[in-house]
Protein backbone atom coordinates (compact mmCIF):
# COMPACT_ATOMS: atom_id res chain seq x y z
CA UNK A 1 0.00 0.00 0.00
CA UNK A 2 1.48 3.35 -1.09
CA UNK A 3 0.69 6.71 0.46
CA UNK A 4 -0.32 9.75 -1.57
CA UNK A 5 3.06 11.35 -0.84
CA UNK A 6 4.94 8.30 -2.11
CA UNK A 7 3.04 8.16 -5.41
CA UNK A 8 3.49 11.89 -5.97
CA UNK A 9 7.22 11.74 -5.21
CA UNK A 10 7.70 8.97 -7.79
CA UNK A 11 5.77 10.92 -10.42
CA UNK A 12 7.83 14.06 -9.74
CA UNK A 13 11.11 12.37 -10.65
CA UNK A 14 9.55 10.97 -13.81
CA UNK A 15 10.98 11.03 -17.29
CA UNK A 16 9.40 9.40 -20.33
CA UNK A 17 11.34 6.16 -19.75
CA UNK A 18 10.38 5.80 -16.06
CA UNK A 19 7.94 2.99 -15.32
CA UNK A 20 5.46 3.68 -12.52
CA UNK A 21 2.87 1.53 -10.77
CA UNK A 22 0.25 1.86 -8.06
CA UNK A 23 -1.57 -0.70 -5.91
CA UNK A 24 -5.27 -1.58 -6.00
CA UNK A 25 -6.03 0.32 -2.77
CA UNK A 26 -6.03 3.45 -4.98
CA UNK A 27 -8.67 2.07 -7.34
CA UNK A 28 -12.21 3.12 -8.13
CA UNK A 29 -13.66 0.00 -9.62
CA UNK A 30 -11.15 -1.52 -12.04
CA UNK A 31 -9.33 1.74 -12.76
CA UNK A 32 -7.28 4.21 -10.74
CA UNK A 33 -9.10 6.80 -8.66
CA UNK A 34 -9.15 9.79 -11.02
CA UNK A 35 -7.81 12.16 -8.39
CA UNK A 36 -4.58 10.24 -7.91
CA UNK A 37 -3.89 9.96 -11.65
CA UNK A 38 -4.46 13.72 -12.13
CA UNK A 39 -2.27 14.52 -9.11
CA UNK A 40 0.58 12.41 -10.51
CA UNK A 41 0.34 14.27 -13.82
CA UNK A 42 0.48 17.63 -12.01
CA UNK A 43 3.60 16.45 -10.15
CA UNK A 44 5.27 15.53 -13.44
CA UNK A 45 4.28 18.81 -15.13
CA UNK A 46 5.48 20.92 -12.20
CA UNK A 47 9.01 19.73 -12.86
CA UNK A 48 8.94 21.16 -16.40
CA UNK A 49 7.83 24.67 -15.41
CA UNK A 50 9.77 27.54 -13.81
CA UNK A 51 9.17 27.68 -10.03
CA UNK A 52 7.87 31.27 -10.20
CA UNK A 53 4.87 30.09 -12.26
CA UNK A 54 1.98 28.51 -10.42
CA UNK A 55 -0.79 26.25 -11.68
CA UNK A 56 -3.80 28.34 -12.80
CA UNK A 57 -6.01 25.77 -14.50
CA UNK A 58 -6.17 22.06 -15.17
CA UNK A 59 -8.25 20.25 -17.78
CA UNK A 60 -8.38 16.46 -17.38
CA UNK A 61 -9.84 13.78 -19.64
CA UNK A 62 -10.15 10.18 -18.54
CA UNK A 63 -9.60 8.32 -21.79
CA UNK A 64 -9.43 4.70 -20.66
CA UNK A 65 -8.83 2.52 -17.59
CA UNK A 66 -5.56 2.87 -15.67
CA UNK A 67 -4.93 -0.54 -14.14
CA UNK A 68 -3.22 -1.30 -10.80
CA UNK A 69 0.07 -3.23 -10.60
CA UNK A 70 0.70 -2.68 -14.32
CA UNK A 71 3.58 -0.41 -15.37
CA UNK A 72 2.77 2.91 -17.01
CA UNK A 73 4.66 5.99 -18.21
CA UNK A 74 4.02 9.72 -17.86
CA UNK A 75 4.85 11.82 -20.92
CA UNK A 76 5.07 15.61 -20.55
CA UNK A 77 5.25 18.15 -23.37
CA UNK A 78 5.66 21.90 -22.88
CA UNK A 79 3.43 23.26 -25.65
CA UNK A 80 4.49 26.88 -25.23
CA UNK A 81 6.49 28.93 -22.78
CA UNK A 82 5.76 32.64 -23.08
CA UNK A 83 6.88 35.69 -21.14
CA UNK A 84 4.36 35.14 -18.35
CA UNK A 85 2.62 31.84 -18.96
CA UNK A 86 3.33 28.22 -19.86
CA UNK A 87 1.00 25.70 -21.48
CA UNK A 88 1.78 22.07 -20.69
CA UNK A 89 0.33 18.74 -21.84
CA UNK A 90 0.81 15.46 -19.97
CA UNK A 91 -0.55 11.97 -20.45
CA UNK A 92 -0.38 8.56 -18.83
CA UNK A 93 0.33 5.68 -21.21
CA UNK A 94 -0.17 2.06 -20.19
CA UNK A 95 0.16 -0.94 -22.49
CA UNK A 96 0.63 1.53 -25.39
CA UNK A 97 -2.81 3.05 -24.71
CA UNK A 98 -3.49 6.55 -23.39
CA UNK A 99 -5.35 6.37 -20.08
CA UNK A 100 -5.45 9.99 -18.82
CA UNK A 101 -4.64 13.35 -20.43
CA UNK A 102 -4.13 16.71 -18.68
CA UNK A 103 -3.56 20.15 -20.13
CA UNK A 104 -2.45 22.81 -17.66
CA UNK A 105 -1.83 26.54 -17.68
CA UNK A 106 0.89 27.96 -15.42
CA UNK A 107 1.63 31.66 -14.97
CA UNK A 108 3.55 34.14 -12.87
CA UNK A 109 2.02 37.13 -11.11
CA UNK A 110 1.57 40.37 -13.07
CA UNK A 111 0.98 43.89 -11.83
CA UNK A 112 -2.63 44.99 -12.31
CA UNK A 113 -4.95 47.56 -10.76
CA UNK A 114 -8.00 45.38 -11.54
CA UNK A 115 -9.16 43.18 -8.69
CA UNK A 116 -12.52 41.43 -8.23
CA UNK A 117 -12.99 39.45 -5.04
CA UNK A 118 -14.65 36.03 -4.99
CA UNK A 119 -18.15 36.48 -3.57
CA UNK A 120 -18.99 32.79 -3.07
CA UNK A 121 -19.70 31.95 0.58
CA UNK A 122 -19.40 28.47 2.05
CA UNK A 123 -22.77 27.14 3.18
CA UNK A 124 -21.44 24.20 5.19
CA UNK A 125 -21.74 23.76 8.94
CA UNK A 126 -18.60 22.81 10.91
CA UNK A 127 -17.25 19.27 10.47
CA UNK A 128 -19.39 16.67 12.21
CA UNK A 129 -17.06 13.84 13.38
CA UNK A 130 -19.96 11.42 13.84
CA UNK A 131 -20.84 11.77 10.14
CA UNK A 132 -17.40 10.98 8.67
CA UNK A 133 -17.99 8.05 6.35
CA UNK A 134 -16.29 4.85 7.59
CA UNK A 135 -14.61 2.71 4.96
CA UNK A 136 -16.57 -0.44 4.09
CA UNK A 137 -14.67 -2.90 1.90
CA UNK A 138 -16.75 -4.06 -1.03
CA UNK A 139 -19.39 -1.38 -0.54
CA UNK A 140 -17.12 1.60 -1.26
CA UNK A 141 -14.37 2.29 -3.80
CA UNK A 142 -11.01 1.04 -2.53
CA UNK A 143 -9.47 4.54 -2.50
CA UNK A 144 -11.79 5.46 0.39
CA UNK A 145 -9.13 3.83 2.58
CA UNK A 146 -7.13 7.04 2.03
CA UNK A 147 -9.82 9.76 1.95
CA UNK A 148 -12.22 11.00 4.64
CA UNK A 149 -15.53 12.57 3.61
CA UNK A 150 -17.99 14.35 5.90
CA UNK A 151 -21.14 14.78 3.77
CA UNK A 152 -23.64 17.49 4.74
CA UNK A 153 -25.64 18.30 1.61
CA UNK A 154 -27.40 15.84 -0.65
CA UNK A 155 -27.65 12.11 -0.06
CA UNK A 156 -25.67 8.89 -0.48
CA UNK A 157 -25.38 7.25 -3.91
CA UNK A 158 -28.27 5.03 -5.06
CA UNK A 159 -30.65 6.37 -2.38
CA UNK A 160 -33.41 7.53 -4.78
CA UNK A 161 -32.96 11.11 -3.55
CA UNK A 162 -34.82 14.08 -4.97
CA UNK A 163 -31.82 16.43 -4.70
CA UNK A 164 -29.06 16.62 -7.29
CA UNK A 165 -26.79 18.86 -5.19
CA UNK A 166 -23.96 17.57 -3.01
CA UNK A 167 -21.63 19.00 -0.41
CA UNK A 168 -19.44 18.35 2.61
CA UNK A 169 -15.89 18.32 3.92
CA UNK A 170 -12.90 16.29 2.69
CA UNK A 171 -9.31 15.52 3.64
CA UNK A 172 -6.75 12.70 3.62
CA UNK A 173 -6.93 10.11 6.40
CA UNK A 174 -3.15 9.94 6.54
CA UNK A 175 -1.92 13.50 6.98
CA UNK A 176 0.46 14.46 4.12
CA UNK A 177 4.05 15.23 5.11
CA UNK A 178 3.97 18.59 3.31
CA UNK A 179 1.56 21.51 3.29
CA UNK A 180 -1.46 21.03 1.10
CA UNK A 181 -0.98 22.15 -2.51
CA UNK A 182 -2.75 21.91 -5.87
CA UNK A 183 -2.07 18.18 -6.14
CA UNK A 184 -3.84 17.47 -2.85
CA UNK A 185 -6.80 19.66 -3.80
CA UNK A 186 -7.18 18.08 -7.26
CA UNK A 187 -7.11 14.59 -5.78
CA UNK A 188 -9.61 15.33 -3.02
CA UNK A 189 -12.00 17.13 -5.36
CA UNK A 190 -12.51 13.92 -7.35
CA UNK A 191 -13.26 11.89 -4.20
CA UNK A 192 -16.94 12.84 -4.26
CA UNK A 193 -19.32 10.70 -6.32
CA UNK A 194 -21.08 12.31 -9.29
CA UNK A 195 -23.94 14.46 -8.00
CA UNK A 196 -26.49 12.42 -9.95
CA UNK A 197 -25.72 9.04 -8.34
CA UNK A 198 -27.89 9.94 -5.34
CA UNK A 199 -30.94 10.06 -7.63
CA UNK A 200 -30.46 6.44 -8.72
CA UNK A 201 -32.63 3.88 -6.92
CA UNK A 202 -30.11 1.05 -7.34
CA UNK A 203 -26.42 0.64 -8.22
CA UNK A 204 -25.48 1.47 -11.79
CA UNK A 205 -22.17 2.15 -13.57
CA UNK A 206 -21.02 5.76 -13.77
CA UNK A 207 -17.69 7.47 -14.32
CA UNK A 208 -16.17 10.90 -14.86
CA UNK A 209 -15.24 11.62 -18.47
CA UNK A 210 -13.63 15.01 -17.90
CA UNK A 211 -13.23 17.81 -15.39
CA UNK A 212 -11.75 21.27 -15.28
CA UNK A 213 -10.36 23.12 -12.24
CA UNK A 214 -9.47 26.79 -11.83
CA UNK A 215 -7.06 27.50 -8.97
CA UNK A 216 -8.02 31.08 -8.09
CA UNK A 217 -5.45 31.56 -5.33
CA UNK A 218 -2.08 30.08 -4.53
CA UNK A 219 -2.75 27.26 -2.08
CA UNK A 220 -1.06 27.41 1.31
CA UNK A 221 -3.02 25.24 3.74
CA UNK A 222 -2.08 23.05 6.67
CA UNK A 223 -1.67 19.42 5.66
CA UNK A 224 -4.53 18.26 7.94
CA UNK A 225 -6.96 20.99 6.81
CA UNK A 226 -10.52 20.03 5.97
CA UNK A 227 -11.66 21.39 2.58
CA UNK A 228 -15.27 22.30 1.89
CA UNK A 229 -16.95 21.06 -1.28
CA UNK A 230 -20.31 22.23 -2.66
CA UNK A 231 -21.55 20.96 -6.04
CA UNK A 232 -24.66 21.66 -8.09
CA UNK A 233 -26.01 19.89 -11.15
CA UNK A 234 -26.58 22.15 -14.16
CA UNK A 235 -27.97 19.61 -16.60
CA UNK A 236 -28.54 15.90 -17.18
CA UNK A 237 -29.93 14.13 -20.24
CA UNK A 238 -29.27 11.11 -22.44
CA UNK A 239 -26.98 9.49 -19.85
CA UNK A 240 -24.61 12.45 -19.32
CA UNK A 241 -24.51 15.09 -16.60
CA UNK A 242 -22.84 18.44 -16.03
CA UNK A 243 -21.98 19.68 -12.55
CA UNK A 244 -20.17 22.65 -11.07
CA UNK A 245 -18.44 22.81 -7.69
CA UNK A 246 -16.75 25.28 -5.39
CA UNK A 247 -13.94 24.19 -3.07
């Protein structure tokens, strides 16, 4: 069993010839938990960008399954490096097939007189320890061994709920050895089930095809910090849904 820190450290020293693996405790069904695969790609991309440029946005597409205990490679390409910003593409390749693709924008600070504050307010109550979901082998994805969720809005998957919104608190069960950064946030954000699963009356297959994250501020949080998550569903039809979340 590998910790989040260990997997990230291996990805950070990656080159295109390095072979990486992960164990099945990081799986979501037969494939890797999407948050850990995206975090590993961020770690690899960070090494190709000047340290004065921070991650602004991340677009991730889950192309195919990423299998445990099978070697894979991370390939990083700097698409463009301008005066202030860098555009970077990274992908995970396993058995000659692309499993995950990320495109990221990095940039350095620029002087500007224009400033608009974020007006979104968190609607969550304080963390309720008695409502932290316990891991149940076989009933939950395996990666829940590493992630703690404290749901407060919406309902559990497959509960025939009327709501399509979801929210609560999240953090790692094993406190990371470093302060929380964009990799931790990206991984935790994907820990929540799709907002629409609560409306199902019985188990059914579902998976994320893509997601996009904007990192508004530079992240400097304690490693054991709880993060709030509030998601709403904008649309669902023909077997596909669109949701939006604030962290």
